[in-house]
Amino acid sequence: MSESEINALVFLLDDEDQEVASLVEQRLRSLGGSVIPILEDRWENTSFSIVTQKKIEDIIHELQYNTFFERIILWRNQGGMDMLEGMWIIATYQYPELSLAKLKQEIDQLYYDAWMEMRDDMHPMDKVRILNSVIFGKHKFGANTKNFHAIGNSMLNVVLESKKGNPISLCVVYMLIAQKMGLPIYGVNLPNLFILTYKHEKAQFYINVFNKGLVFSKGDIDNYIAQLNIPTNEIFYEPCDNFDIIRRVLRNMVVAFEKTEDEAKVKEIQRILDEFL
């Protein structure tokens, strides 16, 4: 369908005949995400009634959500190997025009700064100290304790811009840089806290990115679990996969929208979670 034909349909959304308007609305929804730029242009540059403006906003949101849904399910079905792509897809829920290339460029810059100071013959602990120095010292990343449940903490672009995040988003930034350097650093699903582990056949230790990269041991995790008074579980000590990380990010998003009482968005994210479980 040509742009002029789509424009004609958009104007018919304002038709006084509600049956015509309803049929046009269904037709626009069926055309998919390719019509979004035209709808946005008409919304910005045409004087419609408040009702019609709301219709256009709803159509745009539905089409954007469908694109988001399709992307995240495709990512899962293809194996979820690219963590950066997964986090980019998550961020497009709030920022549908966000570029994956932009995120990659920002991660590459952080990687380059760390790579400049790293040597292959360094001890693993020293490599982690370099990462900590670059991420928390030079670039000033840190915990967003004031707005812990804010939705921005789950949006990688916001975290990279603000240098603030929750445990899992900060861990993802750290892990993306570390793995790009070839370091065996992975996520670990602890109750109430997401951490990282450096796991190699000759060494394993843990990193609390939310506490500026504090290094600790298995014994510290034992004590943490004991304080929570819950049964121990192997998953508290071993690397998790990218699906586990995305699921946890989605759960954080549900909590964030529950805090702001945005039930529509809670349902939309819960639908994604239901597909992942």
Protein backbone atom coordinates (compact mmCIF):
# COMPACT_ATOMS: atom_id res chain seq x y z
CA MET A 1 0.00 0.00 0.00
CA SER A 2 1.36 3.41 -1.00
CA GLU A 3 1.97 6.27 1.43
CA SER A 4 -0.86 8.29 -0.09
CA GLU A 5 -3.26 5.39 0.41
CA ILE A 6 -2.18 5.03 4.04
CA ASN A 7 -2.62 8.78 4.55
CA ALA A 8 -6.14 8.49 3.16
CA LEU A 9 -6.91 5.74 5.66
CA VAL A 10 -5.56 7.84 8.54
CA PHE A 11 -7.88 10.71 7.66
CA LEU A 12 -10.80 8.28 7.61
CA LEU A 13 -10.14 7.55 11.30
CA ASP A 14 -11.88 10.88 11.87
CA ASP A 15 -14.96 9.84 9.88
CA GLU A 16 -18.29 10.55 11.57
CA ASP A 17 -19.50 7.08 10.61
CA GLN A 18 -18.17 4.96 13.49
CA GLU A 19 -18.40 1.76 11.46
CA VAL A 20 -16.14 3.24 8.78
CA ALA A 21 -13.71 4.55 11.41
CA SER A 22 -13.61 1.14 13.11
CA LEU A 23 -12.92 -0.72 9.84
CA VAL A 24 -10.15 1.74 8.97
CA GLU A 25 -8.59 1.30 12.41
CA GLN A 26 -8.55 -2.48 11.95
CA ARG A 27 -7.00 -2.09 8.51
CA LEU A 28 -4.21 0.14 9.80
CA ARG A 29 -3.42 -2.31 12.58
CA SER A 30 -3.18 -5.12 10.05
CA LEU A 31 -0.54 -3.28 8.01
CA GLY A 32 2.12 -3.74 10.70
CA GLY A 33 5.03 -1.63 11.86
CA SER A 34 5.84 -0.15 8.45
CA VAL A 35 3.00 2.36 8.86
CA ILE A 36 4.30 3.76 12.15
CA PRO A 37 6.37 6.64 10.63
CA ILE A 38 3.34 7.80 8.62
CA LEU A 39 1.07 7.59 11.66
CA GLU A 40 3.56 9.54 13.75
CA ASP A 41 3.85 12.22 11.07
CA ARG A 42 0.08 12.58 10.79
CA TRP A 43 -0.27 12.70 14.58
CA GLU A 44 2.29 15.51 14.82
CA ASN A 45 1.24 17.57 11.82
CA THR A 46 -2.52 17.14 11.44
CA SER A 47 -5.34 18.60 13.52
CA PHE A 48 -7.48 15.66 14.57
CA SER A 49 -10.07 15.42 17.29
CA ILE A 50 -8.83 14.28 20.70
CA VAL A 51 -10.56 10.94 20.17
CA THR A 52 -8.81 10.37 16.84
CA GLN A 53 -5.44 11.42 18.24
CA LYS A 54 -5.90 8.83 20.98
CA LYS A 55 -6.77 6.21 18.35
CA ILE A 56 -3.57 6.96 16.46
CA GLU A 57 -1.53 6.80 19.68
CA ASP A 58 -3.09 3.42 20.53
CA ILE A 59 -2.42 2.02 17.05
CA ILE A 60 1.21 3.18 17.16
CA HIS A 61 1.72 1.64 20.59
CA GLU A 62 0.13 -1.66 19.57
CA LEU A 63 2.28 -1.90 16.44
CA GLN A 64 5.42 -1.02 18.40
CA TYR A 65 4.57 -3.60 21.05
CA ASN A 66 3.96 -6.27 18.40
CA THR A 67 7.39 -5.53 16.93
CA PHE A 68 8.95 -5.76 20.40
CA PHE A 69 7.14 -9.04 21.09
CA GLU A 70 8.18 -10.58 17.78
CA ARG A 71 11.81 -9.53 18.25
CA ILE A 72 12.18 -10.96 21.75
CA ILE A 73 10.52 -14.26 20.81
CA LEU A 74 12.72 -14.54 17.70
CA TRP A 75 15.79 -13.82 19.85
CA ARG A 76 14.77 -16.61 22.20
CA ASN A 77 14.00 -19.05 19.40
CA GLN A 78 17.37 -18.40 17.78
CA GLY A 79 19.20 -19.34 20.97
CA GLY A 80 19.58 -15.98 22.71
CA MET A 81 23.33 -15.98 22.14
CA ASP A 82 23.79 -12.21 21.81
CA MET A 83 23.20 -10.61 25.22
CA LEU A 84 23.59 -7.09 23.87
CA GLU A 85 20.89 -7.72 21.27
CA GLY A 86 18.59 -9.11 23.97
CA MET A 87 19.04 -6.02 26.14
CA TRP A 88 18.56 -3.76 23.11
CA ILE A 89 15.23 -5.47 22.39
CA ILE A 90 14.18 -4.96 26.01
CA ALA A 91 15.04 -1.25 25.75
CA THR A 92 12.97 -0.84 22.58
CA TYR A 93 9.84 -1.40 24.67
CA GLN A 94 10.33 2.12 26.05
CA TYR A 95 12.52 3.48 23.25
CA PRO A 96 11.26 1.90 20.01
CA GLU A 97 13.61 3.91 17.78
CA LEU A 98 16.74 3.01 19.74
CA SER A 99 19.62 1.83 17.56
CA LEU A 100 21.46 -1.39 18.37
CA ALA A 101 24.53 0.11 16.69
CA LYS A 102 24.48 2.99 19.20
CA LEU A 103 24.53 0.62 22.17
CA LYS A 104 27.30 -1.42 20.56
CA GLN A 105 29.38 1.70 20.04
CA GLU A 106 29.06 2.68 23.70
CA ILE A 107 30.01 -0.81 24.91
CA ASP A 108 32.93 -0.85 22.47
CA GLN A 109 34.25 2.40 23.95
CA LEU A 110 34.16 0.97 27.47
CA TYR A 111 35.84 -2.20 26.21
CA TYR A 112 38.57 -0.19 24.49
CA ASP A 113 39.33 1.78 27.66
CA ALA A 114 39.71 -1.47 29.63
CA TRP A 115 41.66 -3.22 26.86
CA MET A 116 44.24 -0.43 26.86
CA GLU A 117 45.18 -1.31 30.45
CA MET A 118 44.86 -5.11 30.28
CA ARG A 119 47.65 -7.67 29.73
CA ASP A 120 47.20 -11.35 28.95
CA ASP A 121 49.67 -12.42 31.66
CA MET A 122 47.75 -10.69 34.45
CA HIS A 123 46.23 -12.72 37.30
CA PRO A 124 42.40 -12.96 37.06
CA MET A 125 42.04 -10.80 40.19
CA ASP A 126 44.19 -8.10 38.59
CA LYS A 127 42.07 -8.20 35.44
CA VAL A 128 38.97 -7.65 37.54
CA ARG A 129 40.69 -4.75 39.31
CA ILE A 130 41.34 -3.17 35.92
CA LEU A 131 37.68 -3.57 34.94
CA ASN A 132 36.61 -2.09 38.27
CA SER A 133 38.98 0.85 37.82
CA VAL A 134 37.67 1.62 34.32
CA ILE A 135 33.96 1.05 34.95
CA PHE A 136 33.60 2.48 38.46
CA GLY A 137 36.61 4.79 38.57
CA LYS A 138 37.07 6.33 35.14
CA HIS A 139 33.45 6.10 33.95
CA LYS A 140 31.76 6.51 37.35
CA PHE A 141 29.15 3.76 37.03
CA GLY A 142 27.32 3.07 40.27
CA ALA A 143 24.25 1.76 42.05
CA ASN A 144 20.95 3.59 41.61
CA THR A 145 19.89 3.26 45.24
CA LYS A 146 17.64 6.35 45.22
CA ASN A 147 15.41 5.04 42.43
CA PHE A 148 16.01 1.31 42.73
CA HIS A 149 12.73 0.25 41.10
CA ALA A 150 12.71 2.84 38.29
CA ILE A 151 12.04 1.37 34.84
CA GLY A 152 15.15 3.14 33.52
CA ASN A 153 17.28 0.70 35.52
CA SER A 154 16.21 -2.03 33.09
CA MET A 155 16.86 0.04 29.97
CA LEU A 156 20.48 -0.43 28.85
CA ASN A 157 20.58 2.90 26.99
CA VAL A 158 19.46 4.76 30.11
CA VAL A 159 22.01 2.93 32.27
CA LEU A 160 24.83 3.73 29.83
CA GLU A 161 23.80 7.39 29.73
CA SER A 162 23.10 7.95 33.43
CA LYS A 163 25.88 5.60 34.68
CA LYS A 164 23.35 4.33 37.24
CA GLY A 165 21.56 1.00 37.37
CA ASN A 166 20.25 -1.90 39.42
CA PRO A 167 22.31 -5.05 40.12
CA ILE A 168 21.41 -6.88 36.94
CA SER A 169 21.78 -3.98 34.49
CA LEU A 170 25.18 -3.04 35.94
CA CYS A 171 26.19 -6.71 35.77
CA VAL A 172 25.18 -6.86 32.13
CA VAL A 173 27.35 -3.85 31.26
CA TYR A 174 30.28 -5.36 33.16
CA MET A 175 29.76 -8.82 31.65
CA LEU A 176 29.50 -7.53 28.07
CA ILE A 177 32.84 -5.76 28.42
CA ALA A 178 34.50 -8.71 30.18
CA GLN A 179 33.30 -11.31 27.69
CA LYS A 180 34.34 -9.11 24.78
CA MET A 181 37.82 -9.28 26.30
CA GLY A 182 37.59 -13.07 26.45
CA LEU A 183 37.24 -13.24 30.23
CA PRO A 184 35.14 -16.12 31.64
CA ILE A 185 32.75 -13.87 33.56
CA TYR A 186 29.07 -14.83 33.76
CA GLY A 187 25.87 -13.92 35.58
CA VAL A 188 24.72 -15.69 38.74
CA ASN A 189 21.11 -15.71 39.96
CA LEU A 190 21.17 -15.07 43.71
CA PRO A 191 17.94 -14.37 45.60
CA ASN A 192 17.37 -10.60 45.83
CA LEU A 193 20.72 -9.87 44.21
CA PHE A 194 22.30 -10.51 40.82
CA ILE A 195 26.06 -11.00 40.78
CA LEU A 196 28.84 -12.24 38.48
CA THR A 197 31.29 -15.10 38.70
CA TYR A 198 34.74 -15.47 37.21
CA LYS A 199 34.79 -19.18 36.45
CA HIS A 200 37.79 -20.92 34.99
CA GLU A 201 39.08 -24.47 35.44
CA LYS A 202 41.80 -23.10 37.73
CA ALA A 203 39.85 -20.44 39.61
CA GLN A 204 36.38 -19.30 40.56
CA PHE A 205 35.34 -16.26 42.54
CA TYR A 206 32.42 -13.85 42.60
CA ILE A 207 31.93 -10.15 41.83
CA ASN A 208 29.31 -7.85 43.36
CA VAL A 209 28.96 -5.23 40.63
CA PHE A 210 26.30 -3.36 42.63
CA ASN A 211 29.03 -2.76 45.23
CA LYS A 212 31.67 -1.43 42.79
CA GLY A 213 33.01 -4.83 41.80
CA LEU A 214 33.66 -6.20 45.29
CA VAL A 215 35.27 -9.66 44.99
CA PHE A 216 34.10 -12.40 47.34
CA SER A 217 34.11 -16.18 47.77
CA LYS A 218 31.75 -19.15 47.82
CA GLY A 219 31.84 -18.98 51.61
CA ASP A 220 30.39 -15.47 51.47
CA ILE A 221 27.50 -16.78 49.39
CA ASP A 222 26.98 -19.56 51.95
CA ASN A 223 26.68 -16.92 54.67
CA TYR A 224 24.33 -14.81 52.56
CA ILE A 225 22.00 -17.76 51.93
CA ALA A 226 22.10 -18.70 55.61
CA GLN A 227 21.06 -15.14 56.57
CA LEU A 228 18.10 -15.39 54.20
CA ASN A 229 17.17 -18.68 55.89
CA ILE A 230 16.46 -20.46 52.62
CA PRO A 231 17.70 -23.83 51.32
CA THR A 232 20.91 -23.75 49.34
CA ASN A 233 20.74 -24.37 45.59
CA GLU A 234 23.37 -24.98 42.93
CA ILE A 235 22.06 -22.07 40.86
CA PHE A 236 23.26 -19.69 43.60
CA TYR A 237 26.87 -20.57 42.73
CA GLU A 238 26.98 -21.37 39.02
CA PRO A 239 26.64 -19.29 35.83
CA CYS A 240 23.16 -18.69 34.47
CA ASP A 241 22.31 -18.32 30.80
CA ASN A 242 21.12 -15.30 28.84
CA PHE A 243 17.49 -16.45 29.08
CA ASP A 244 17.71 -16.32 32.89
CA ILE A 245 19.06 -12.78 32.69
CA ILE A 246 16.33 -11.56 30.34
CA ARG A 247 13.64 -13.21 32.47
CA ARG A 248 14.96 -11.42 35.55
CA VAL A 249 15.06 -8.08 33.70
CA LEU A 250 11.46 -8.61 32.63
CA ARG A 251 10.43 -9.36 36.22
CA ASN A 252 12.10 -6.14 37.31
CA MET A 253 10.11 -4.31 34.65
CA VAL A 254 6.87 -5.78 36.00
CA VAL A 255 7.76 -4.55 39.50
CA ALA A 256 8.65 -1.10 38.13
CA PHE A 257 5.30 -0.73 36.40
CA GLU A 258 3.45 -2.11 39.43
CA LYS A 259 5.09 0.64 41.51
CA THR A 260 3.69 3.26 39.12
CA GLU A 261 0.34 1.43 38.90
CA ASP A 262 0.57 1.12 35.12
CA GLU A 263 -1.53 -2.02 34.80
CA ALA A 264 -1.56 -1.98 30.99
CA LYS A 265 2.23 -2.20 30.84
CA VAL A 266 2.32 -4.81 33.61
CA LYS A 267 0.08 -7.01 31.45
CA GLU A 268 2.17 -6.43 28.33
CA ILE A 269 5.43 -7.42 30.04
CA GLN A 270 3.78 -10.33 31.83
CA ARG A 271 2.69 -11.65 28.44
CA ILE A 272 6.35 -11.76 27.39
CA LEU A 273 7.31 -13.49 30.64
CA ASP A 274 4.64 -16.11 30.11
CA GLU A 275 6.19 -16.90 26.74
CA PHE A 276 9.64 -17.27 28.32
CA LEU A 277 8.63 -19.52 31.24
